[in-house]
Amino acid sequence: MKKFSPLIAALLPCSVSFAADPEFFFSQEAGTAASTMSTAAVSIGYVVQLLFSLAVVFGFLYITTKYLLPKLKTSNKSEHIILADRLVVEPQVTLYIIKAANNSWLISVSNKSVTVIDKFQEGTF
């Protein structure tokens, strides 16, 4: 069996006598400690406040994504140049068919170069 240290042995009777003191349990300090304990009503109030706050945040996010973000997007639409098709050949090599006016070009784009492979008329492919 382990031995108690002398400090614990000296403090133990003092703490037991303080805890058993009936005047402490009926004093003002004990009354304020009991009144600050959370009750079920207070806990439900915190949950309602949390749910309301989450609803406000999610409502703000919804309005932002629905109405504000579409106005911030830039349009990359062109009236004269159309990207007709795209094919990824390798991880960093892509083939594009680009249409402009009545002509189309087959272009290869890699991380090091851009090459025109073929030029053909609109109705030929």
Protein backbone atom coordinates (compact mmCIF):
# COMPACT_ATOMS: atom_id res chain seq x y z
CA MET A 1 0.00 0.00 0.00
CA LYS A 2 1.24 3.47 -0.85
CA LYS A 3 1.98 5.96 1.88
CA PHE A 4 0.37 9.40 1.90
CA SER A 5 2.65 12.38 1.79
CA PRO A 6 2.74 14.50 4.97
CA LEU A 7 1.18 17.47 3.16
CA ILE A 8 -1.87 15.48 2.08
CA ALA A 9 -2.19 13.99 5.56
CA ALA A 10 -2.14 17.49 7.05
CA LEU A 11 -4.71 18.98 4.61
CA LEU A 12 -7.17 16.09 4.55
CA PRO A 13 -8.71 16.67 8.03
CA CYS A 14 -9.09 20.40 7.31
CA SER A 15 -10.93 19.82 4.04
CA VAL A 16 -13.21 17.20 5.55
CA SER A 17 -14.14 19.48 8.42
CA PHE A 18 -14.80 22.38 6.00
CA ALA A 19 -17.03 20.22 3.76
CA ALA A 20 -18.97 18.91 6.73
CA ASP A 21 -19.60 22.39 8.11
CA PRO A 22 -23.39 22.97 7.93
CA GLU A 23 -22.98 26.75 8.05
CA PHE A 24 -21.24 26.67 4.65
CA PHE A 25 -24.14 24.90 2.92
CA PHE A 26 -26.68 27.41 4.16
CA SER A 27 -24.54 30.52 3.65
CA GLN A 28 -24.76 33.19 0.94
CA GLU A 29 -21.88 31.61 -1.03
CA ALA A 30 -23.73 28.33 -1.35
CA GLY A 31 -26.93 30.13 -2.45
CA THR A 32 -25.21 32.02 -5.25
CA ALA A 33 -23.53 28.82 -6.44
CA ALA A 34 -26.90 27.08 -6.66
CA SER A 35 -28.49 29.96 -8.53
CA THR A 36 -25.73 30.03 -11.16
CA MET A 37 -26.22 26.37 -12.07
CA SER A 38 -27.73 25.91 -15.50
CA THR A 39 -31.24 24.60 -15.66
CA ALA A 40 -33.08 22.89 -18.46
CA ALA A 41 -34.83 26.14 -19.41
CA VAL A 42 -31.55 27.99 -19.74
CA SER A 43 -30.06 25.15 -21.80
CA ILE A 44 -33.06 25.16 -24.14
CA GLY A 45 -32.64 28.93 -24.49
CA TYR A 46 -29.03 28.44 -25.54
CA VAL A 47 -30.05 25.82 -28.11
CA VAL A 48 -32.73 28.11 -29.55
CA GLN A 49 -30.23 30.97 -29.73
CA LEU A 50 -27.71 28.70 -31.48
CA LEU A 51 -30.29 27.49 -34.02
CA PHE A 52 -31.39 31.07 -34.72
CA SER A 53 -27.78 32.14 -35.25
CA LEU A 54 -27.15 29.22 -37.61
CA ALA A 55 -30.31 30.09 -39.56
CA VAL A 56 -29.12 33.69 -39.96
CA VAL A 57 -25.67 32.57 -41.16
CA PHE A 58 -27.05 30.01 -43.62
CA GLY A 59 -29.62 32.54 -44.87
CA PHE A 60 -26.85 35.05 -45.50
CA LEU A 61 -24.82 32.41 -47.36
CA TYR A 62 -27.84 31.44 -49.48
CA ILE A 63 -28.61 35.03 -50.46
CA THR A 64 -24.94 35.66 -51.25
CA THR A 65 -24.59 32.62 -53.51
CA LYS A 66 -27.98 33.09 -55.18
CA TYR A 67 -27.92 36.80 -55.94
CA LEU A 68 -24.49 38.32 -55.39
CA LEU A 69 -22.11 35.77 -56.93
CA PRO A 70 -23.83 35.61 -60.35
CA LYS A 71 -23.37 39.38 -60.67
CA LEU A 72 -19.67 39.07 -59.88
CA LYS A 73 -18.98 36.46 -62.57
CA THR A 74 -17.38 37.70 -65.73
CA SER A 75 -18.70 36.49 -69.04
CA ASN A 76 -16.18 34.81 -71.32
CA LYS A 77 -18.64 34.50 -74.19
CA SER A 78 -17.42 35.69 -77.55
CA GLU A 79 -19.58 36.56 -80.52
CA HIS A 80 -17.00 35.65 -83.19
CA ILE A 81 -14.82 32.87 -81.75
CA ILE A 82 -16.31 29.55 -80.64
CA LEU A 83 -14.56 26.68 -78.91
CA ALA A 84 -16.28 23.80 -80.67
CA ASP A 85 -14.58 20.82 -79.02
CA ARG A 86 -11.80 19.86 -76.65
CA LEU A 87 -9.98 16.55 -76.22
CA VAL A 88 -7.36 15.80 -73.56
CA VAL A 89 -4.73 13.59 -75.21
CA GLU A 90 -2.21 13.41 -72.37
CA PRO A 91 -2.07 15.03 -68.93
CA GLN A 92 -0.61 18.28 -70.32
CA VAL A 93 -1.59 18.03 -74.00
CA THR A 94 -5.02 19.05 -75.29
CA LEU A 95 -6.55 19.30 -78.78
CA TYR A 96 -9.01 22.10 -79.53
CA ILE A 97 -11.30 22.81 -82.48
CA ILE A 98 -11.80 26.56 -82.74
CA LYS A 99 -14.34 28.15 -85.11
CA ALA A 100 -14.16 31.72 -86.37
CA ALA A 101 -16.10 33.13 -89.31
CA ASN A 102 -16.34 30.26 -91.84
CA ASN A 103 -13.07 28.56 -90.85
CA SER A 104 -12.11 26.03 -88.19
CA TRP A 105 -8.70 25.19 -86.76
CA LEU A 106 -7.46 22.08 -85.02
CA ILE A 107 -4.93 23.27 -82.42
CA SER A 108 -2.69 21.31 -80.08
CA VAL A 109 -1.85 22.99 -76.78
CA SER A 110 0.78 21.67 -74.38
CA ASN A 111 2.57 23.21 -71.45
CA LYS A 112 5.46 24.18 -73.76
CA SER A 113 3.89 25.05 -77.11
CA VAL A 114 0.79 25.82 -79.16
CA THR A 115 0.65 24.24 -82.62
CA VAL A 116 -1.88 24.67 -85.44
CA ILE A 117 -2.38 21.17 -86.83
CA ASP A 118 -4.95 21.86 -89.55
CA LYS A 119 -7.22 24.55 -90.96
CA PHE A 120 -10.46 23.53 -92.67
CA GLN A 121 -13.70 25.04 -93.93
CA GLU A 122 -16.89 25.07 -91.84
CA GLY A 123 -18.81 22.28 -93.58
CA THR A 124 -15.93 19.83 -94.10
CA PHE A 125 -15.93 18.00 -90.79
